[in-house]
C-alpha atoms as a PDB file:
ATOM      1  CA  UNK A   1     118.980 -65.270-101.091  1.00  0.00           C
ATOM      2  CA  UNK A   2     121.527 -67.313-103.094  1.00  0.00           C
ATOM      3  CA  UNK A   3     123.263 -70.033-101.062  1.00  0.00           C
ATOM      4  CA  UNK A   4     126.558 -70.824-102.429  1.00  0.00           C
ATOM      5  CA  UNK A   5     129.211 -73.456-101.926  1.00  0.00           C
ATOM      6  CA  UNK A   6     132.831 -72.399-102.590  1.00  0.00           C
ATOM      7  CA  UNK A   7     135.221 -75.139-103.960  1.00  0.00           C
ATOM      8  CA  UNK A   8     138.821 -74.096-104.337  1.00  0.00           C
ATOM      9  CA  UNK A   9     141.918 -75.840-103.132  1.00  0.00           C
ATOM     10  CA  UNK A  10     143.569 -72.598-102.099  1.00  0.00           C
ATOM     11  CA  UNK A  11     142.208 -71.438 -98.442  1.00  0.00           C
ATOM     12  CA  UNK A  12     143.160 -67.952 -98.944  1.00  0.00           C
ATOM     13  CA  UNK A  13     141.223 -67.728-102.260  1.00  0.00           C
ATOM     14  CA  UNK A  14     138.190 -69.221-100.539  1.00  0.00           C
ATOM     15  CA  UNK A  15     138.389 -66.674 -97.610  1.00  0.00           C
ATOM     16  CA  UNK A  16     138.733 -63.771 -99.901  1.00  0.00           C
ATOM     17  CA  UNK A  17     135.808 -64.808-102.110  1.00  0.00           C
ATOM     18  CA  UNK A  18     133.687 -65.626 -98.968  1.00  0.00           C
ATOM     19  CA  UNK A  19     134.262 -62.105 -97.901  1.00  0.00           C
ATOM     20  CA  UNK A  20     133.550 -60.656-101.264  1.00  0.00           C
ATOM     21  CA  UNK A  21     130.323 -62.619-101.769  1.00  0.00           C
ATOM     22  CA  UNK A  22     129.043 -61.933 -98.325  1.00  0.00           C
ATOM     23  CA  UNK A  23     129.326 -58.218 -98.898  1.00  0.00           C
ATOM     24  CA  UNK A  24     126.528 -58.738-101.127  1.00  0.00           C
ATOM     25  CA  UNK A  25     123.149 -58.621 -99.560  1.00  0.00           C
ATOM     26  CA  UNK A  26     121.629 -61.493-101.555  1.00  0.00           C
ATOM     27  CA  UNK A  27     124.422 -63.951-101.300  1.00  0.00           C
ATOM     28  CA  UNK A  28     125.301 -66.297 -98.653  1.00  0.00           C
ATOM     29  CA  UNK A  29     128.350 -68.705 -98.324  1.00  0.00           C
ATOM     30  CA  UNK A  30     126.776 -71.860 -96.738  1.00  0.00           C
ATOM     31  CA  UNK A  31     130.073 -74.004 -96.902  1.00  0.00           C
ATOM     32  CA  UNK A  32     133.469 -74.354 -98.413  1.00  0.00           C
ATOM     33  CA  UNK A  33     135.420 -77.351 -99.890  1.00  0.00           C
ATOM     34  CA  UNK A  34     138.991 -77.683-100.748  1.00  0.00           C
ATOM     35  CA  UNK A  35     138.569 -80.228-103.584  1.00  0.00           C
ATOM     36  CA  UNK A  36     136.010 -82.097-105.673  1.00  0.00           C
ATOM     37  CA  UNK A  37     135.920 -85.106-103.530  1.00  0.00           C
ATOM     38  CA  UNK A  38     134.917 -82.994-100.394  1.00  0.00           C
ATOM     39  CA  UNK A  39     132.383 -80.884-102.376  1.00  0.00           C
ATOM     40  CA  UNK A  40     130.088 -83.736-103.562  1.00  0.00           C
ATOM     41  CA  UNK A  41     128.720 -84.888-100.323  1.00  0.00           C
ATOM     42  CA  UNK A  42     128.297 -81.300 -99.294  1.00  0.00           C
ATOM     43  CA  UNK A  43     126.249 -80.692-102.519  1.00  0.00           C
ATOM     44  CA  UNK A  44     124.087 -83.687-101.730  1.00  0.00           C
ATOM     45  CA  UNK A  45     123.589 -82.679 -98.025  1.00  0.00           C
ATOM     46  CA  UNK A  46     123.240 -79.056 -98.145  1.00  0.00           C
ATOM     47  CA  UNK A  47     121.824 -78.615-101.519  1.00  0.00           C
ATOM     48  CA  UNK A  48     123.291 -75.148-102.402  1.00  0.00           C
ATOM     49  CA  UNK A  49     121.667 -72.946-105.210  1.00  0.00           C
ATOM     50  CA  UNK A  50     124.971 -72.285-106.799  1.00  0.00           C
ATOM     51  CA  UNK A  51     128.560 -73.988-106.563  1.00  0.00           C
ATOM     52  CA  UNK A  52     131.346 -71.575-107.363  1.00  0.00           C
ATOM     53  CA  UNK A  53     133.979 -74.220-108.641  1.00  0.00           C
ATOM     54  CA  UNK A  54     137.548 -74.119-109.502  1.00  0.00           C
ATOM     55  CA  UNK A  55     138.755 -76.356-112.251  1.00  0.00           C
ATOM     56  CA  UNK A  56     142.253 -76.966-111.495  1.00  0.00           C
ATOM     57  CA  UNK A  57     142.494 -78.901-108.149  1.00  0.00           C
ATOM     58  CA  UNK A  58     144.300 -82.063-106.947  1.00  0.00           C
ATOM     59  CA  UNK A  59     142.437 -85.226-107.102  1.00  0.00           C
ATOM     60  CA  UNK A  60     138.957 -84.634-108.513  1.00  0.00           C
ATOM     61  CA  UNK A  61     139.106 -81.544-110.522  1.00  0.00           C
ATOM     62  CA  UNK A  62     136.174 -79.018-111.282  1.00  0.00           C
ATOM     63  CA  UNK A  63     135.196 -80.761-114.641  1.00  0.00           C
ATOM     64  CA  UNK A  64     134.745 -84.119-112.945  1.00  0.00           C
ATOM     65  CA  UNK A  65     132.718 -82.663-110.203  1.00  0.00           C
ATOM     66  CA  UNK A  66     130.611 -80.919-112.818  1.00  0.00           C
ATOM     67  CA  UNK A  67     130.182 -84.152-114.765  1.00  0.00           C
ATOM     68  CA  UNK A  68     128.932 -85.747-111.509  1.00  0.00           C
ATOM     69  CA  UNK A  69     126.220 -83.158-110.729  1.00  0.00           C
ATOM     70  CA  UNK A  70     125.254 -81.303-113.998  1.00  0.00           C
ATOM     71  CA  UNK A  71     121.855 -82.059-115.496  1.00  0.00           C
ATOM     72  CA  UNK A  72     120.647 -83.942-112.320  1.00  0.00           C
ATOM     73  CA  UNK A  73     117.255 -83.205-110.860  1.00  0.00           C
ATOM     74  CA  UNK A  74     117.633 -80.516-108.437  1.00  0.00           C
ATOM     75  CA  UNK A  75     121.246 -80.012-109.316  1.00  0.00           C
ATOM     76  CA  UNK A  76     122.683 -76.648-108.317  1.00  0.00           C
ATOM     77  CA  UNK A  77     123.847 -73.979-110.801  1.00  0.00           C
ATOM     78  CA  UNK A  78     127.623 -74.322-111.811  1.00  0.00           C
ATOM     79  CA  UNK A  79     129.809 -71.198-112.086  1.00  0.00           C
ATOM     80  CA  UNK A  80     133.425 -72.071-112.948  1.00  0.00           C
ATOM     81  CA  UNK A  81     136.015 -69.623-111.506  1.00  0.00           C
ATOM     82  CA  UNK A  82     139.504 -70.225-113.041  1.00  0.00           C
ATOM     83  CA  UNK A  83     142.617 -68.871-114.689  1.00  0.00           C
ATOM     84  CA  UNK A  84     142.232 -71.084-117.717  1.00  0.00           C
ATOM     85  CA  UNK A  85     141.657 -69.133-120.917  1.00  0.00           C
ATOM     86  CA  UNK A  86     141.757 -71.885-123.404  1.00  0.00           C
ATOM     87  CA  UNK A  87     138.654 -72.003-125.731  1.00  0.00           C
ATOM     88  CA  UNK A  88     138.358 -75.701-126.117  1.00  0.00           C
ATOM     89  CA  UNK A  89     138.436 -76.094-122.295  1.00  0.00           C
ATOM     90  CA  UNK A  90     135.600 -73.601-121.792  1.00  0.00           C
ATOM     91  CA  UNK A  91     133.589 -75.302-124.694  1.00  0.00           C
ATOM     92  CA  UNK A  92     134.012 -78.538-122.802  1.00  0.00           C
ATOM     93  CA  UNK A  93     132.753 -76.998-119.706  1.00  0.00           C
ATOM     94  CA  UNK A  94     129.505 -75.283-121.326  1.00  0.00           C
ATOM     95  CA  UNK A  95     128.729 -78.723-123.115  1.00  0.00           C
ATOM     96  CA  UNK A  96     128.620 -80.468-119.711  1.00  0.00           C
ATOM     97  CA  UNK A  97     125.693 -78.015-118.593  1.00  0.00           C
ATOM     98  CA  UNK A  98     127.920 -75.604-116.665  1.00  0.00           C
ATOM     99  CA  UNK A  99     125.991 -72.224-116.623  1.00  0.00           C
ATOM    100  CA  UNK A 100     128.886 -69.879-116.118  1.00  0.00           C
ATOM    101  CA  UNK A 101     132.730 -69.311-116.537  1.00  0.00           C
ATOM    102  CA  UNK A 102     134.609 -66.533-114.965  1.00  0.00           C
ATOM    103  CA  UNK A 103     138.241 -66.077-114.833  1.00  0.00           C
ATOM    104  CA  UNK A 104     139.945 -65.204-111.605  1.00  0.00           C
ATOM    105  CA  UNK A 105     141.202 -61.703-112.791  1.00  0.00           C
ATOM    106  CA  UNK A 106     137.812 -60.555-113.232  1.00  0.00           C
ATOM    107  CA  UNK A 107     136.410 -57.474-111.353  1.00  0.00           C
ATOM    108  CA  UNK A 108     134.061 -58.270-108.230  1.00  0.00           C
ATOM    109  CA  UNK A 109     131.188 -56.462-110.200  1.00  0.00           C
ATOM    110  CA  UNK A 110     131.777 -58.964-113.076  1.00  0.00           C
ATOM    111  CA  UNK A 111     131.402 -62.052-110.624  1.00  0.00           C
ATOM    112  CA  UNK A 112     128.220 -60.625-109.102  1.00  0.00           C
ATOM    113  CA  UNK A 113     126.899 -60.050-112.702  1.00  0.00           C
ATOM    114  CA  UNK A 114     127.856 -63.749-113.464  1.00  0.00           C
ATOM    115  CA  UNK A 115     126.101 -65.068-110.468  1.00  0.00           C
ATOM    116  CA  UNK A 116     122.780 -63.145-111.168  1.00  0.00           C
ATOM    117  CA  UNK A 117     122.891 -64.255-114.763  1.00  0.00           C
ATOM    118  CA  UNK A 118     123.367 -67.687-113.926  1.00  0.00           C
ATOM    119  CA  UNK A 119     120.773 -67.677-111.330  1.00  0.00           C
ATOM    120  CA  UNK A 120     118.192 -66.319-113.864  1.00  0.00           C
ATOM    121  CA  UNK A 121     118.982 -69.579-115.903  1.00  0.00           C
ATOM    122  CA  UNK A 122     121.107 -67.880-118.486  1.00  0.00           C
ATOM    123  CA  UNK A 123     124.863 -68.677-119.578  1.00  0.00           C
ATOM    124  CA  UNK A 124     127.497 -66.386-118.516  1.00  0.00           C
ATOM    125  CA  UNK A 125     131.091 -66.069-120.090  1.00  0.00           C
ATOM    126  CA  UNK A 126     133.519 -63.656-119.167  1.00  0.00           C
ATOM    127  CA  UNK A 127     134.273 -61.190-122.103  1.00  0.00           C
ATOM    128  CA  UNK A 128     137.949 -62.262-122.142  1.00  0.00           C
ATOM    129  CA  UNK A 129     136.818 -65.783-123.082  1.00  0.00           C
ATOM    130  CA  UNK A 130     133.647 -65.297-125.038  1.00  0.00           C
ATOM    131  CA  UNK A 131     135.718 -64.026-127.986  1.00  0.00           C
ATOM    132  CA  UNK A 132     137.734 -67.179-127.905  1.00  0.00           C
ATOM    133  CA  UNK A 133     134.593 -69.216-127.886  1.00  0.00           C
ATOM    134  CA  UNK A 134     133.362 -67.320-130.999  1.00  0.00           C
ATOM    135  CA  UNK A 135     136.812 -68.154-132.733  1.00  0.00           C
ATOM    136  CA  UNK A 136     136.383 -71.749-131.799  1.00  0.00           C
ATOM    137  CA  UNK A 137     132.842 -71.895-133.479  1.00  0.00           C
ATOM    138  CA  UNK A 138     134.162 -70.194-136.466  1.00  0.00           C
ATOM    139  CA  UNK A 139     136.960 -72.858-137.019  1.00  0.00           C
ATOM    140  CA  UNK A 140     136.308 -75.622-139.616  1.00  0.00           C
ATOM    141  CA  UNK A 141     136.134 -79.241-138.615  1.00  0.00           C
ATOM    142  CA  UNK A 142     139.790 -79.909-139.658  1.00  0.00           C
ATOM    143  CA  UNK A 143     142.085 -81.549-137.110  1.00  0.00           C
ATOM    144  CA  UNK A 144     143.756 -79.216-134.504  1.00  0.00           C
ATOM    145  CA  UNK A 145     147.333 -78.267-135.373  1.00  0.00           C
ATOM    146  CA  UNK A 146     150.091 -76.554-133.501  1.00  0.00           C
ATOM    147  CA  UNK A 147     149.778 -72.670-133.939  1.00  0.00           C
ATOM    148  CA  UNK A 148     152.381 -71.546-136.367  1.00  0.00           C
ATOM    149  CA  UNK A 149     153.319 -68.712-134.060  1.00  0.00           C
ATOM    150  CA  UNK A 150     155.252 -71.267-131.863  1.00  0.00           C
ATOM    151  CA  UNK A 151     158.824 -72.004-132.765  1.00  0.00           C
ATOM    152  CA  UNK A 152     160.167 -75.618-132.925  1.00  0.00           C
ATOM    153  CA  UNK A 153     161.845 -75.051-129.593  1.00  0.00           C
ATOM    154  CA  UNK A 154     158.875 -73.863-128.004  1.00  0.00           C
ATOM    155  CA  UNK A 155     156.866 -77.086-129.092  1.00  0.00           C
ATOM    156  CA  UNK A 156     159.604 -79.103-127.749  1.00  0.00           C
ATOM    157  CA  UNK A 157     159.367 -77.355-124.403  1.00  0.00           C
ATOM    158  CA  UNK A 158     155.640 -77.507-124.379  1.00  0.00           C
ATOM    159  CA  UNK A 159     155.918 -81.189-124.779  1.00  0.00           C
ATOM    160  CA  UNK A 160     158.564 -81.651-121.845  1.00  0.00           C
ATOM    161  CA  UNK A 161     156.366 -79.453-119.598  1.00  0.00           C
ATOM    162  CA  UNK A 162     153.524 -81.602-120.228  1.00  0.00           C
ATOM    163  CA  UNK A 163     155.642 -84.694-119.422  1.00  0.00           C
ATOM    164  CA  UNK A 164     156.333 -83.338-116.115  1.00  0.00           C
ATOM    165  CA  UNK A 165     159.869 -82.049-116.646  1.00  0.00           C
ATOM    166  CA  UNK A 166     160.993 -79.148-114.327  1.00  0.00           C
ATOM    167  CA  UNK A 167     162.862 -76.097-115.698  1.00  0.00           C
ATOM    168  CA  UNK A 168     166.189 -77.598-114.392  1.00  0.00           C
ATOM    169  CA  UNK A 169     165.336 -81.109-115.962  1.00  0.00           C
ATOM    170  CA  UNK A 170     164.453 -79.430-119.382  1.00  0.00           C
ATOM    171  CA  UNK A 171     167.862 -77.358-119.249  1.00  0.00           C
ATOM    172  CA  UNK A 172     169.661 -80.565-118.750  1.00  0.00           C
ATOM    173  CA  UNK A 173     167.798 -82.361-121.464  1.00  0.00           C
ATOM    174  CA  UNK A 174     168.061 -79.794-124.006  1.00  0.00           C
ATOM    175  CA  UNK A 175     171.511 -78.639-122.979  1.00  0.00           C
ATOM    176  CA  UNK A 176     170.316 -74.919-122.398  1.00  0.00           C
ATOM    177  CA  UNK A 177     170.707 -72.634-119.624  1.00  0.00           C
ATOM    178  CA  UNK A 178     168.011 -72.319-116.692  1.00  0.00           C
ATOM    179  CA  UNK A 179     167.557 -68.826-117.828  1.00  0.00           C
ATOM    180  CA  UNK A 180     166.927 -69.697-121.479  1.00  0.00           C
ATOM    181  CA  UNK A 181     164.364 -72.289-120.656  1.00  0.00           C
ATOM    182  CA  UNK A 182     162.497 -69.988-118.370  1.00  0.00           C
ATOM    183  CA  UNK A 183     162.493 -67.381-121.260  1.00  0.00           C
ATOM    184  CA  UNK A 184     161.131 -69.967-123.597  1.00  0.00           C
ATOM    185  CA  UNK A 185     158.477 -71.048-121.201  1.00  0.00           C
ATOM    186  CA  UNK A 186     157.347 -67.461-120.437  1.00  0.00           C
ATOM    187  CA  UNK A 187     156.973 -66.649-124.342  1.00  0.00           C
ATOM    188  CA  UNK A 188     155.189 -69.946-124.830  1.00  0.00           C
ATOM    189  CA  UNK A 189     152.567 -69.302-122.319  1.00  0.00           C
ATOM    190  CA  UNK A 190     152.148 -65.684-123.344  1.00  0.00           C
ATOM    191  CA  UNK A 191     151.713 -66.668-127.125  1.00  0.00           C
ATOM    192  CA  UNK A 192     149.039 -69.274-126.145  1.00  0.00           C
ATOM    193  CA  UNK A 193     147.297 -66.965-123.683  1.00  0.00           C
ATOM    194  CA  UNK A 194     147.610 -69.737-121.026  1.00  0.00           C
ATOM    195  CA  UNK A 195     148.408 -68.781-117.365  1.00  0.00           C
ATOM    196  CA  UNK A 196     148.192 -72.016-115.425  1.00  0.00           C
ATOM    197  CA  UNK A 197     150.343 -75.263-115.858  1.00  0.00           C
ATOM    198  CA  UNK A 198     147.258 -77.460-115.610  1.00  0.00           C
ATOM    199  CA  UNK A 199     145.922 -75.740-118.641  1.00  0.00           C
ATOM    200  CA  UNK A 200     149.138 -75.928-120.477  1.00  0.00           C
ATOM    201  CA  UNK A 201     149.289 -79.664-120.182  1.00  0.00           C
ATOM    202  CA  UNK A 202     145.826 -80.214-121.270  1.00  0.00           C
ATOM    203  CA  UNK A 203     146.509 -78.242-124.314  1.00  0.00           C
ATOM    204  CA  UNK A 204     149.610 -80.288-125.043  1.00  0.00           C
ATOM    205  CA  UNK A 205     147.319 -83.471-124.673  1.00  0.00           C
ATOM    206  CA  UNK A 206     144.687 -81.887-127.124  1.00  0.00           C
ATOM    207  CA  UNK A 207     147.631 -81.133-129.541  1.00  0.00           C
ATOM    208  CA  UNK A 208     148.582 -84.876-129.458  1.00  0.00           C
ATOM    209  CA  UNK A 209     151.995 -84.082-128.094  1.00  0.00           C
ATOM    210  CA  UNK A 210     151.491 -86.319-125.119  1.00  0.00           C
ATOM    211  CA  UNK A 211     149.300 -89.290-124.397  1.00  0.00           C
ATOM    212  CA  UNK A 212     146.255 -88.619-122.056  1.00  0.00           C
END
């Protein structure tokens, strides 16, 4: 029996995951947490076998939780469950000692496979992100630069998003219509393969568009 702690800031997501996991005879959800700060004392007291951990959470995020527990004696296995598809983001998680990384649009059978793989002491990466990791490993060590697939306007909007501008504020700043801003934003996320705002902001920081 694998004792699991669910950590996600969305209650509906946790409830759905709990129902899914407990449909499997070998999994048991022993506790839930809505953020990283809540998760740490639960991990210390209940000592779960596996922590199913979202990355993007308010306050202490998933990577910070992982940094606190990964590699310590008796630490649980860590399986990240997120919408972030950025290869550098995933690579950072793996370097921390996180054993698995599954995107939230994966099929239930993939999640089960990921848990079983991680509990065997192996690394699991969703197929949709493993290709990106391979591409990252094949890159040379030159400084990262903005993809040439982005237009100058999209780079400008990416920077404003990272600075916390709303779509309305960007429209006012750039003297564009709200509809045009939303179109640029949608095309930007599609070209980068990024689905979450937090991932987009992190990407902008890595590209040096804004300070961390």
